[in-house]
PDB file of all heavy atoms in Angstrom:
ATOM      1  N   GLU A   1      13.651   6.965  11.997  1.00  0.00           N
ATOM      2  CA  GLU A   1      12.922   7.695  10.965  1.00  0.00           C
ATOM      3  C   GLU A   1      13.880   8.355   9.971  1.00  0.00           C
ATOM      4  O   GLU A   1      13.583   8.456   8.772  1.00  0.00           O
ATOM      5  CB  GLU A   1      12.014   8.732  11.611  1.00  0.00           C
ATOM      6  CG  GLU A   1      10.822   8.089  12.340  1.00  0.00           C
ATOM      7  CD  GLU A   1       9.983   9.100  13.096  1.00  0.00           C
ATOM      8  OE1 GLU A   1      10.360  10.298  13.100  1.00  0.00           O
ATOM      9  OE2 GLU A   1       8.955   8.703  13.667  1.00  0.00           O
ATOM     10  N   ALA A   2      15.037   8.814  10.468  1.00  0.00           N
ATOM     11  CA  ALA A   2      16.025   9.424   9.577  1.00  0.00           C
ATOM     12  C   ALA A   2      16.525   8.401   8.562  1.00  0.00           C
ATOM     13  O   ALA A   2      16.691   8.710   7.372  1.00  0.00           O
ATOM     14  CB  ALA A   2      17.197   9.975  10.390  1.00  0.00           C
ATOM     15  N   VAL A   3      16.755   7.168   9.023  1.00  0.00           N
ATOM     16  CA  VAL A   3      17.205   6.107   8.117  1.00  0.00           C
ATOM     17  C   VAL A   3      16.126   5.818   7.081  1.00  0.00           C
ATOM     18  O   VAL A   3      16.404   5.700   5.875  1.00  0.00           O
ATOM     19  CB  VAL A   3      17.551   4.829   8.909  1.00  0.00           C
ATOM     20  CG1 VAL A   3      17.815   3.673   7.953  1.00  0.00           C
ATOM     21  CG2 VAL A   3      18.752   5.080   9.804  1.00  0.00           C
ATOM     22  N   GLU A   4      14.873   5.687   7.552  1.00  0.00           N
ATOM     23  CA  GLU A   4      13.788   5.388   6.615  1.00  0.00           C
ATOM     24  C   GLU A   4      13.583   6.522   5.618  1.00  0.00           C
ATOM     25  O   GLU A   4      13.296   6.298   4.442  1.00  0.00           O
ATOM     26  CB  GLU A   4      12.486   5.118   7.390  1.00  0.00           C
ATOM     27  CG  GLU A   4      12.553   3.945   8.358  1.00  0.00           C
ATOM     28  CD  GLU A   4      12.891   2.644   7.665  1.00  0.00           C
ATOM     29  OE1 GLU A   4      12.476   2.436   6.514  1.00  0.00           O
ATOM     30  OE2 GLU A   4      13.606   1.823   8.273  1.00  0.00           O
ATOM     31  N   THR A   5      13.722   7.768   6.084  1.00  0.00           N
ATOM     32  CA  THR A   5      13.565   8.916   5.198  1.00  0.00           C
ATOM     33  C   THR A   5      14.655   8.924   4.130  1.00  0.00           C
ATOM     34  O   THR A   5      14.412   9.185   2.953  1.00  0.00           O
ATOM     35  CB  THR A   5      13.615  10.228   5.989  1.00  0.00           C
ATOM     36  OG1 THR A   5      12.567  10.211   6.961  1.00  0.00           O
ATOM     37  CG2 THR A   5      13.442  11.434   5.086  1.00  0.00           C
ATOM     38  N   ARG A   6      15.885   8.604   4.559  1.00  0.00           N
ATOM     39  CA  ARG A   6      17.001   8.579   3.611  1.00  0.00           C
ATOM     40  C   ARG A   6      16.783   7.515   2.551  1.00  0.00           C
ATOM     41  O   ARG A   6      17.160   7.689   1.397  1.00  0.00           O
ATOM     42  CB  ARG A   6      18.301   8.321   4.369  1.00  0.00           C
ATOM     43  CG  ARG A   6      19.527   8.293   3.447  1.00  0.00           C
ATOM     44  CD  ARG A   6      20.819   8.297   4.237  1.00  0.00           C
ATOM     45  NE  ARG A   6      21.939   8.201   3.311  1.00  0.00           N
ATOM     46  CZ  ARG A   6      22.525   7.053   2.953  1.00  0.00           C
ATOM     47  NH1 ARG A   6      22.095   5.907   3.463  1.00  0.00           N
ATOM     48  NH2 ARG A   6      23.533   7.045   2.093  1.00  0.00           N
ATOM     49  N   SER A   7      16.155   6.412   2.942  1.00  0.00           N
ATOM     50  CA  SER A   7      15.922   5.355   1.965  1.00  0.00           C
ATOM     51  C   SER A   7      14.575   5.523   1.271  1.00  0.00           C
ATOM     52  O   SER A   7      14.048   4.584   0.684  1.00  0.00           O
ATOM     53  CB  SER A   7      16.001   3.978   2.649  1.00  0.00           C
ATOM     54  OG  SER A   7      15.027   3.878   3.670  1.00  0.00           O
ATOM     55  N   LYS A   8      14.004   6.756   1.423  1.00  0.00           N
ATOM     56  CA  LYS A   8      12.740   7.107   0.752  1.00  0.00           C
ATOM     57  C   LYS A   8      11.603   6.165   1.159  1.00  0.00           C
ATOM     58  O   LYS A   8      10.762   5.775   0.344  1.00  0.00           O
ATOM     59  CB  LYS A   8      12.918   7.113  -0.769  1.00  0.00           C
ATOM     60  CG  LYS A   8      13.838   8.222  -1.257  1.00  0.00           C
ATOM     61  CD  LYS A   8      13.915   8.249  -2.780  1.00  0.00           C
ATOM     62  CE  LYS A   8      14.605   9.504  -3.285  1.00  0.00           C
ATOM     63  NZ  LYS A   8      15.929   9.747  -2.795  1.00  0.00           N
ATOM     64  N   GLU A   9      11.603   5.766   2.419  1.00  0.00           N
ATOM     65  CA  GLU A   9      10.524   4.932   2.950  1.00  0.00           C
ATOM     66  C   GLU A   9       9.819   5.708   4.052  1.00  0.00           C
ATOM     67  O   GLU A   9      10.372   6.644   4.628  1.00  0.00           O
ATOM     68  CB  GLU A   9      11.078   3.607   3.497  1.00  0.00           C
ATOM     69  CG  GLU A   9      11.682   2.744   2.380  1.00  0.00           C
ATOM     70  CD  GLU A   9      12.472   1.566   2.936  1.00  0.00           C
ATOM     71  OE1 GLU A   9      12.552   1.447   4.163  1.00  0.00           O
ATOM     72  OE2 GLU A   9      13.009   0.789   2.127  1.00  0.00           O
ATOM     73  N   THR A  10       8.615   5.337   4.350  1.00  0.00           N
ATOM     74  CA  THR A  10       7.824   6.079   5.323  1.00  0.00           C
ATOM     75  C   THR A  10       8.378   5.952   6.733  1.00  0.00           C
ATOM     76  O   THR A  10       8.793   4.876   7.155  1.00  0.00           O
ATOM     77  CB  THR A  10       6.363   5.583   5.326  1.00  0.00           C
ATOM     78  OG1 THR A  10       5.690   6.181   6.442  1.00  0.00           O
ATOM     79  CG2 THR A  10       6.277   4.089   5.463  1.00  0.00           C
ATOM     80  N   GLY A  11       8.353   7.053   7.459  1.00  0.00           N
ATOM     81  CA  GLY A  11       8.804   7.024   8.851  1.00  0.00           C
ATOM     82  C   GLY A  11       7.893   6.215   9.742  1.00  0.00           C
ATOM     83  O   GLY A  11       8.306   5.714  10.780  1.00  0.00           O
ATOM     84  N   ASN A  12       6.619   6.040   9.371  1.00  0.00           N
ATOM     85  CA  ASN A  12       5.690   5.250  10.177  1.00  0.00           C
ATOM     86  C   ASN A  12       6.007   3.767  10.139  1.00  0.00           C
ATOM     87  O   ASN A  12       5.473   3.001  10.941  1.00  0.00           O
ATOM     88  CB  ASN A  12       4.256   5.496   9.722  1.00  0.00           C
ATOM     89  CG  ASN A  12       3.662   6.744  10.348  1.00  0.00           C
ATOM     90  OD1 ASN A  12       4.262   7.316  11.253  1.00  0.00           O
ATOM     91  ND2 ASN A  12       2.507   7.165   9.878  1.00  0.00           N
ATOM     92  N   HIS A  13       6.828   3.354   9.203  1.00  0.00           N
ATOM     93  CA  HIS A  13       7.234   1.942   9.157  1.00  0.00           C
ATOM     94  C   HIS A  13       7.877   1.532  10.473  1.00  0.00           C
ATOM     95  O   HIS A  13       7.566   0.461  11.009  1.00  0.00           O
ATOM     96  CB  HIS A  13       8.207   1.715   7.997  1.00  0.00           C
ATOM     97  CG  HIS A  13       8.879   0.379   8.019  1.00  0.00           C
ATOM     98  ND1 HIS A  13       8.205  -0.803   7.830  1.00  0.00           N
ATOM     99  CD2 HIS A  13      10.195   0.038   8.224  1.00  0.00           C
ATOM    100  CE1 HIS A  13       9.053  -1.821   7.917  1.00  0.00           C
ATOM    101  NE2 HIS A  13      10.274  -1.336   8.142  1.00  0.00           N
ATOM    102  N   VAL A  14       8.759   2.367  11.027  1.00  0.00           N
ATOM    103  CA  VAL A  14       9.461   1.983  12.259  1.00  0.00           C
ATOM    104  C   VAL A  14       8.486   1.912  13.436  1.00  0.00           C
ATOM    105  O   VAL A  14       8.654   1.085  14.336  1.00  0.00           O
ATOM    106  CB  VAL A  14      10.630   2.942  12.569  1.00  0.00           C
ATOM    107  CG1 VAL A  14      11.677   2.888  11.478  1.00  0.00           C
ATOM    108  CG2 VAL A  14      10.161   4.365  12.810  1.00  0.00           C
ATOM    109  N   LYS A  15       7.456   2.762  13.430  1.00  0.00           N
ATOM    110  CA  LYS A  15       6.467   2.720  14.517  1.00  0.00           C
ATOM    111  C   LYS A  15       5.632   1.450  14.434  1.00  0.00           C
ATOM    112  O   LYS A  15       5.341   0.817  15.452  1.00  0.00           O
ATOM    113  CB  LYS A  15       5.564   3.952  14.446  1.00  0.00           C
ATOM    114  CG  LYS A  15       6.283   5.256  14.731  1.00  0.00           C
ATOM    115  CD  LYS A  15       5.350   6.451  14.615  1.00  0.00           C
ATOM    116  CE  LYS A  15       6.114   7.752  14.900  1.00  0.00           C
ATOM    117  NZ  LYS A  15       5.257   8.947  14.729  1.00  0.00           N
ATOM    118  N   ARG A  16       5.261   1.077  13.203  1.00  0.00           N
ATOM    119  CA  ARG A  16       4.475  -0.149  13.049  1.00  0.00           C
ATOM    120  C   ARG A  16       5.295  -1.376  13.434  1.00  0.00           C
ATOM    121  O   ARG A  16       4.795  -2.278  14.130  1.00  0.00           O
ATOM    122  CB  ARG A  16       3.973  -0.263  11.602  1.00  0.00           C
ATOM    123  CG  ARG A  16       2.951   0.797  11.226  1.00  0.00           C
ATOM    124  CD  ARG A  16       2.277   0.462   9.898  1.00  0.00           C
ATOM    125  NE  ARG A  16       3.196   0.480   8.777  1.00  0.00           N
ATOM    126  CZ  ARG A  16       3.423   1.541   7.986  1.00  0.00           C
ATOM    127  NH1 ARG A  16       2.805   2.686   8.226  1.00  0.00           N
ATOM    128  NH2 ARG A  16       4.266   1.459   6.971  1.00  0.00           N
ATOM    129  N   VAL A  17       6.536  -1.419  13.000  1.00  0.00           N
ATOM    130  CA  VAL A  17       7.411  -2.546  13.356  1.00  0.00           C
ATOM    131  C   VAL A  17       7.580  -2.612  14.871  1.00  0.00           C
ATOM    132  O   VAL A  17       7.568  -3.702  15.462  1.00  0.00           O
ATOM    133  CB  VAL A  17       8.781  -2.419  12.656  1.00  0.00           C
ATOM    134  CG1 VAL A  17       9.764  -3.455  13.206  1.00  0.00           C
ATOM    135  CG2 VAL A  17       8.630  -2.597  11.157  1.00  0.00           C
ATOM    136  N   ALA A  18       7.706  -1.467  15.530  1.00  0.00           N
ATOM    137  CA  ALA A  18       7.878  -1.423  16.992  1.00  0.00           C
ATOM    138  C   ALA A  18       6.673  -2.026  17.698  1.00  0.00           C
ATOM    139  O   ALA A  18       6.808  -2.875  18.594  1.00  0.00           O
ATOM    140  CB  ALA A  18       8.111   0.013  17.440  1.00  0.00           C
ATOM    141  N   GLU A  19       5.474  -1.608  17.317  1.00  0.00           N
ATOM    142  CA  GLU A  19       4.267  -2.082  17.992  1.00  0.00           C
ATOM    143  C   GLU A  19       3.972  -3.544  17.682  1.00  0.00           C
ATOM    144  O   GLU A  19       3.557  -4.300  18.567  1.00  0.00           O
ATOM    145  CB  GLU A  19       3.072  -1.208  17.593  1.00  0.00           C
ATOM    146  CG  GLU A  19       3.184   0.253  18.001  1.00  0.00           C
ATOM    147  CD  GLU A  19       3.323   0.440  19.502  1.00  0.00           C
ATOM    148  OE1 GLU A  19       2.788  -0.390  20.267  1.00  0.00           O
ATOM    149  OE2 GLU A  19       3.977   1.422  19.922  1.00  0.00           O
ATOM    150  N   ILE A  20       4.197  -3.958  16.440  1.00  0.00           N
ATOM    151  CA  ILE A  20       3.981  -5.371  16.084  1.00  0.00           C
ATOM    152  C   ILE A  20       4.990  -6.251  16.823  1.00  0.00           C
ATOM    153  O   ILE A  20       4.653  -7.336  17.313  1.00  0.00           O
ATOM    154  CB  ILE A  20       4.089  -5.567  14.561  1.00  0.00           C
ATOM    155  CG1 ILE A  20       2.950  -4.839  13.849  1.00  0.00           C
ATOM    156  CG2 ILE A  20       4.062  -7.061  14.199  1.00  0.00           C
ATOM    157  CD1 ILE A  20       3.093  -4.786  12.334  1.00  0.00           C
ATOM    158  N   SER A  21       6.221  -5.762  16.938  1.00  0.00           N
ATOM    159  CA  SER A  21       7.256  -6.532  17.657  1.00  0.00           C
ATOM    160  C   SER A  21       6.863  -6.738  19.111  1.00  0.00           C
ATOM    161  O   SER A  21       7.020  -7.840  19.659  1.00  0.00           O
ATOM    162  CB  SER A  21       8.601  -5.801  17.580  1.00  0.00           C
ATOM    163  OG  SER A  21       9.089  -5.751  16.257  1.00  0.00           O
ATOM    164  N   LYS A  22       6.338  -5.694  19.750  1.00  0.00           N
ATOM    165  CA  LYS A  22       5.942  -5.846  21.154  1.00  0.00           C
ATOM    166  C   LYS A  22       4.788  -6.835  21.288  1.00  0.00           C
ATOM    167  O   LYS A  22       4.778  -7.676  22.204  1.00  0.00           O
ATOM    168  CB  LYS A  22       5.537  -4.497  21.750  1.00  0.00           C
ATOM    169  CG  LYS A  22       5.153  -4.611  23.229  1.00  0.00           C
ATOM    170  CD  LYS A  22       4.883  -3.277  23.889  1.00  0.00           C
ATOM    171  CE  LYS A  22       4.565  -3.474  25.378  1.00  0.00           C
ATOM    172  NZ  LYS A  22       4.310  -2.199  26.071  1.00  0.00           N
ATOM    173  N   LEU A  23       3.820  -6.753  20.388  1.00  0.00           N
ATOM    174  CA  LEU A  23       2.701  -7.690  20.420  1.00  0.00           C
ATOM    175  C   LEU A  23       3.196  -9.126  20.319  1.00  0.00           C
ATOM    176  O   LEU A  23       2.816  -9.997  21.111  1.00  0.00           O
ATOM    177  CB  LEU A  23       1.736  -7.372  19.278  1.00  0.00           C
ATOM    178  CG  LEU A  23       0.596  -8.375  19.060  1.00  0.00           C
ATOM    179  CD1 LEU A  23      -0.366  -8.347  20.234  1.00  0.00           C
ATOM    180  CD2 LEU A  23      -0.141  -8.074  17.761  1.00  0.00           C
ATOM    181  N   LEU A  24       4.062  -9.393  19.348  1.00  0.00           N
ATOM    182  CA  LEU A  24       4.593 -10.751  19.170  1.00  0.00           C
ATOM    183  C   LEU A  24       5.415 -11.187  20.381  1.00  0.00           C
ATOM    184  O   LEU A  24       5.353 -12.351  20.796  1.00  0.00           O
ATOM    185  CB  LEU A  24       5.445 -10.817  17.903  1.00  0.00           C
ATOM    186  CG  LEU A  24       4.728 -10.554  16.571  1.00  0.00           C
ATOM    187  CD1 LEU A  24       5.733 -10.537  15.425  1.00  0.00           C
ATOM    188  CD2 LEU A  24       3.652 -11.607  16.318  1.00  0.00           C
ATOM    189  N   ALA A  25       6.178 -10.260  20.945  1.00  0.00           N
ATOM    190  CA  ALA A  25       7.017 -10.588  22.101  1.00  0.00           C
ATOM    191  C   ALA A  25       6.174 -11.021  23.291  1.00  0.00           C
ATOM    192  O   ALA A  25       6.485 -12.012  23.971  1.00  0.00           O
ATOM    193  CB  ALA A  25       7.869  -9.374  22.479  1.00  0.00           C
ATOM    194  N   LEU A  26       5.099 -10.299  23.549  1.00  0.00           N
ATOM    195  CA  LEU A  26       4.230 -10.654  24.670  1.00  0.00           C
ATOM    196  C   LEU A  26       3.536 -11.994  24.419  1.00  0.00           C
ATOM    197  O   LEU A  26       3.405 -12.816  25.329  1.00  0.00           O
ATOM    198  CB  LEU A  26       3.190  -9.556  24.898  1.00  0.00           C
ATOM    199  CG  LEU A  26       3.725  -8.216  25.429  1.00  0.00           C
ATOM    200  CD1 LEU A  26       2.629  -7.162  25.421  1.00  0.00           C
ATOM    201  CD2 LEU A  26       4.289  -8.382  26.842  1.00  0.00           C
ATOM    202  N   LYS A  27       3.120 -12.212  23.193  1.00  0.00           N
ATOM    203  CA  LYS A  27       2.406 -13.448  22.876  1.00  0.00           C
ATOM    204  C   LYS A  27       3.308 -14.673  22.951  1.00  0.00           C
ATOM    205  O   LYS A  27       2.851 -15.775  23.277  1.00  0.00           O
ATOM    206  CB  LYS A  27       1.780 -13.358  21.483  1.00  0.00           C
ATOM    207  CG  LYS A  27       0.688 -12.307  21.342  1.00  0.00           C
ATOM    208  CD  LYS A  27      -0.525 -12.618  22.199  1.00  0.00           C
ATOM    209  CE  LYS A  27      -1.631 -11.602  22.001  1.00  0.00           C
ATOM    210  NZ  LYS A  27      -2.819 -11.907  22.844  1.00  0.00           N
ATOM    211  N   ILE A  28       4.604 -14.481  22.680  1.00  0.00           N
ATOM    212  CA  ILE A  28       5.508 -15.638  22.724  1.00  0.00           C
ATOM    213  C   ILE A  28       6.032 -15.887  24.136  1.00  0.00           C
ATOM    214  O   ILE A  28       6.699 -16.888  24.406  1.00  0.00           O
ATOM    215  CB  ILE A  28       6.675 -15.471  21.729  1.00  0.00           C
ATOM    216  CG1 ILE A  28       7.236 -16.859  21.348  1.00  0.00           C
ATOM    217  CG2 ILE A  28       7.775 -14.573  22.291  1.00  0.00           C
ATOM    218  CD1 ILE A  28       8.199 -16.833  20.186  1.00  0.00           C
ATOM    219  N   GLY A  29       5.737 -14.966  25.060  1.00  0.00           N
ATOM    220  CA  GLY A  29       6.069 -15.226  26.465  1.00  0.00           C
ATOM    221  C   GLY A  29       7.113 -14.333  27.090  1.00  0.00           C
ATOM    222  O   GLY A  29       7.493 -14.547  28.247  1.00  0.00           O
ATOM    223  N   LEU A  30       7.615 -13.318  26.376  1.00  0.00           N
ATOM    224  CA  LEU A  30       8.538 -12.381  27.013  1.00  0.00           C
ATOM    225  C   LEU A  30       7.771 -11.530  28.020  1.00  0.00           C
ATOM    226  O   LEU A  30       6.594 -11.222  27.806  1.00  0.00           O
ATOM    227  CB  LEU A  30       9.207 -11.476  25.975  1.00  0.00           C
ATOM    228  CG  LEU A  30      10.051 -12.152  24.886  1.00  0.00           C
ATOM    229  CD1 LEU A  30      10.791 -11.091  24.069  1.00  0.00           C
ATOM    230  CD2 LEU A  30      11.038 -13.141  25.480  1.00  0.00           C
ATOM    231  N   ASP A  31       8.436 -11.153  29.121  1.00  0.00           N
ATOM    232  CA  ASP A  31       7.740 -10.319  30.102  1.00  0.00           C
ATOM    233  C   ASP A  31       7.570  -8.901  29.557  1.00  0.00           C
ATOM    234  O   ASP A  31       8.167  -8.515  28.548  1.00  0.00           O
ATOM    235  CB  ASP A  31       8.458 -10.320  31.452  1.00  0.00           C
ATOM    236  CG  ASP A  31       9.866  -9.753  31.397  1.00  0.00           C
ATOM    237  OD1 ASP A  31      10.094  -8.773  30.659  1.00  0.00           O
ATOM    238  OD2 ASP A  31      10.742 -10.277  32.105  1.00  0.00           O
ATOM    239  N   ASN A  32       6.745  -8.119  30.236  1.00  0.00           N
ATOM    240  CA  ASN A  32       6.389  -6.796  29.726  1.00  0.00           C
ATOM    241  C   ASN A  32       7.605  -5.885  29.613  1.00  0.00           C
ATOM    242  O   ASN A  32       7.717  -5.096  28.660  1.00  0.00           O
ATOM    243  CB  ASN A  32       5.340  -6.155  30.641  1.00  0.00           C
ATOM    244  CG  ASN A  32       4.739  -4.908  30.021  1.00  0.00           C
ATOM    245  OD1 ASN A  32       4.011  -4.971  29.039  1.00  0.00           O
ATOM    246  ND2 ASN A  32       5.068  -3.750  30.577  1.00  0.00           N
ATOM    247  N   ASP A  33       8.534  -6.012  30.552  1.00  0.00           N
ATOM    248  CA  ASP A  33       9.725  -5.158  30.532  1.00  0.00           C
ATOM    249  C   ASP A  33      10.569  -5.454  29.288  1.00  0.00           C
ATOM    250  O   ASP A  33      11.012  -4.529  28.587  1.00  0.00           O
ATOM    251  CB  ASP A  33      10.543  -5.387  31.809  1.00  0.00           C
ATOM    252  CG  ASP A  33      11.788  -4.529  31.852  1.00  0.00           C
ATOM    253  OD1 ASP A  33      11.664  -3.287  31.761  1.00  0.00           O
ATOM    254  OD2 ASP A  33      12.897  -5.086  31.982  1.00  0.00           O
ATOM    255  N   GLU A  34      10.786  -6.736  29.010  1.00  0.00           N
ATOM    256  CA  GLU A  34      11.611  -7.100  27.854  1.00  0.00           C
ATOM    257  C   GLU A  34      10.892  -6.768  26.544  1.00  0.00           C
ATOM    258  O   GLU A  34      11.518  -6.330  25.566  1.00  0.00           O
ATOM    259  CB  GLU A  34      11.963  -8.583  27.905  1.00  0.00           C
ATOM    260  CG  GLU A  34      13.084  -8.966  26.954  1.00  0.00           C
ATOM    261  CD  GLU A  34      13.653 -10.339  27.240  1.00  0.00           C
ATOM    262  OE1 GLU A  34      13.058 -11.105  28.023  1.00  0.00           O
ATOM    263  OE2 GLU A  34      14.720 -10.642  26.667  1.00  0.00           O
ATOM    264  N   ALA A  35       9.566  -6.966  26.534  1.00  0.00           N
ATOM    265  CA  ALA A  35       8.794  -6.621  25.336  1.00  0.00           C
ATOM    266  C   ALA A  35       8.867  -5.121  25.056  1.00  0.00           C
ATOM    267  O   ALA A  35       8.924  -4.699  23.891  1.00  0.00           O
ATOM    268  CB  ALA A  35       7.340  -7.052  25.508  1.00  0.00           C
ATOM    269  N   GLU A  36       8.881  -4.323  26.117  1.00  0.00           N
ATOM    270  CA  GLU A  36       8.980  -2.871  25.941  1.00  0.00           C
ATOM    271  C   GLU A  36      10.354  -2.475  25.427  1.00  0.00           C
ATOM    272  O   GLU A  36      10.479  -1.587  24.572  1.00  0.00           O
ATOM    273  CB  GLU A  36       8.689  -2.178  27.278  1.00  0.00           C
ATOM    274  CG  GLU A  36       8.744  -0.661  27.255  1.00  0.00           C
ATOM    275  CD  GLU A  36       7.668  -0.019  26.386  1.00  0.00           C
ATOM    276  OE1 GLU A  36       6.732  -0.731  25.947  1.00  0.00           O
ATOM    277  OE2 GLU A  36       7.770   1.197  26.126  1.00  0.00           O
ATOM    278  N   ILE A  37      11.404  -3.143  25.922  1.00  0.00           N
ATOM    279  CA  ILE A  37      12.752  -2.882  25.402  1.00  0.00           C
ATOM    280  C   ILE A  37      12.801  -3.193  23.907  1.00  0.00           C
ATOM    281  O   ILE A  37      13.369  -2.436  23.108  1.00  0.00           O
ATOM    282  CB  ILE A  37      13.795  -3.739  26.156  1.00  0.00           C
ATOM    283  CG1 ILE A  37      13.969  -3.232  27.594  1.00  0.00           C
ATOM    284  CG2 ILE A  37      15.140  -3.735  25.425  1.00  0.00           C
ATOM    285  CD1 ILE A  37      14.583  -1.856  27.700  1.00  0.00           C
ATOM    286  N   LEU A  38      12.186  -4.302  23.511  1.00  0.00           N
ATOM    287  CA  LEU A  38      12.151  -4.675  22.095  1.00  0.00           C
ATOM    288  C   LEU A  38      11.393  -3.621  21.282  1.00  0.00           C
ATOM    289  O   LEU A  38      11.819  -3.242  20.180  1.00  0.00           O
ATOM    290  CB  LEU A  38      11.500  -6.047  21.941  1.00  0.00           C
ATOM    291  CG  LEU A  38      11.370  -6.597  20.515  1.00  0.00           C
ATOM    292  CD1 LEU A  38      12.725  -6.657  19.821  1.00  0.00           C
ATOM    293  CD2 LEU A  38      10.718  -7.977  20.538  1.00  0.00           C
ATOM    294  N   ARG A  39      10.291  -3.136  21.829  1.00  0.00           N
ATOM    295  CA  ARG A  39       9.521  -2.102  21.124  1.00  0.00           C
ATOM    296  C   ARG A  39      10.349  -0.842  20.907  1.00  0.00           C
ATOM    297  O   ARG A  39      10.327  -0.242  19.832  1.00  0.00           O
ATOM    298  CB  ARG A  39       8.258  -1.758  21.916  1.00  0.00           C
ATOM    299  CG  ARG A  39       7.347  -0.743  21.214  1.00  0.00           C
ATOM    300  CD  ARG A  39       6.150  -0.392  22.081  1.00  0.00           C
ATOM    301  NE  ARG A  39       6.514   0.531  23.136  1.00  0.00           N
ATOM    302  CZ  ARG A  39       6.560   1.860  22.990  1.00  0.00           C
ATOM    303  NH1 ARG A  39       6.292   2.415  21.823  1.00  0.00           N
ATOM    304  NH2 ARG A  39       6.881   2.630  24.015  1.00  0.00           N
ATOM    305  N   LEU A  40      11.087  -0.458  21.951  1.00  0.00           N
ATOM    306  CA  LEU A  40      11.872   0.769  21.864  1.00  0.00           C
ATOM    307  C   LEU A  40      13.092   0.608  20.955  1.00  0.00           C
ATOM    308  O   LEU A  40      13.539   1.572  20.325  1.00  0.00           O
ATOM    309  CB  LEU A  40      12.333   1.191  23.265  1.00  0.00           C
ATOM    310  CG  LEU A  40      11.223   1.563  24.254  1.00  0.00           C
ATOM    311  CD1 LEU A  40      11.810   1.808  25.636  1.00  0.00           C
ATOM    312  CD2 LEU A  40      10.457   2.777  23.779  1.00  0.00           C
ATOM    313  N   ALA A  41      13.632  -0.617  20.890  1.00  0.00           N
ATOM    314  CA  ALA A  41      14.865  -0.839  20.122  1.00  0.00           C
ATOM    315  C   ALA A  41      14.610  -1.168  18.656  1.00  0.00           C
ATOM    316  O   ALA A  41      15.467  -0.908  17.800  1.00  0.00           O
ATOM    317  CB  ALA A  41      15.673  -1.975  20.757  1.00  0.00           C
ATOM    318  N   SER A  42      13.458  -1.728  18.346  1.00  0.00           N
ATOM    319  CA  SER A  42      13.217  -2.210  16.979  1.00  0.00           C
ATOM    320  C   SER A  42      13.281  -1.125  15.905  1.00  0.00           C
ATOM    321  O   SER A  42      13.598  -1.448  14.741  1.00  0.00           O
ATOM    322  CB  SER A  42      11.873  -2.941  16.914  1.00  0.00           C
ATOM    323  OG  SER A  42      10.817  -2.061  17.209  1.00  0.00           O
ATOM    324  N   PRO A  43      12.998   0.163  16.190  1.00  0.00           N
ATOM    325  CA  PRO A  43      13.150   1.169  15.132  1.00  0.00           C
ATOM    326  C   PRO A  43      14.560   1.256  14.566  1.00  0.00           C
ATOM    327  O   PRO A  43      14.755   1.840  13.488  1.00  0.00           O
ATOM    328  CB  PRO A  43      12.749   2.474  15.835  1.00  0.00           C
ATOM    329  CG  PRO A  43      11.789   2.053  16.893  1.00  0.00           C
ATOM    330  CD  PRO A  43      12.336   0.744  17.388  1.00  0.00           C
ATOM    331  N   MET A  44      15.545   0.678  15.269  1.00  0.00           N
ATOM    332  CA  MET A  44      16.923   0.737  14.782  1.00  0.00           C
ATOM    333  C   MET A  44      17.315  -0.485  13.963  1.00  0.00           C
ATOM    334  O   MET A  44      18.497  -0.714  13.707  1.00  0.00           O
ATOM    335  CB  MET A  44      17.877   0.903  15.975  1.00  0.00           C
ATOM    336  CG  MET A  44      17.721   2.234  16.686  1.00  0.00           C
ATOM    337  SD  MET A  44      18.864   2.432  18.068  1.00  0.00           S
ATOM    338  CE  MET A  44      18.141   1.317  19.261  1.00  0.00           C
TER     339      MET A  44
END
């Protein structure tokens, strides 16, 4: 969120990217543990 704020972009962008990433990860076949790691890491 600090990065997004500095670039004058909304902090909710990282939350949306995180949740969409997890959805796509599960649908493509990653297990729940790996999909959760992706969700937690994608804000960076």
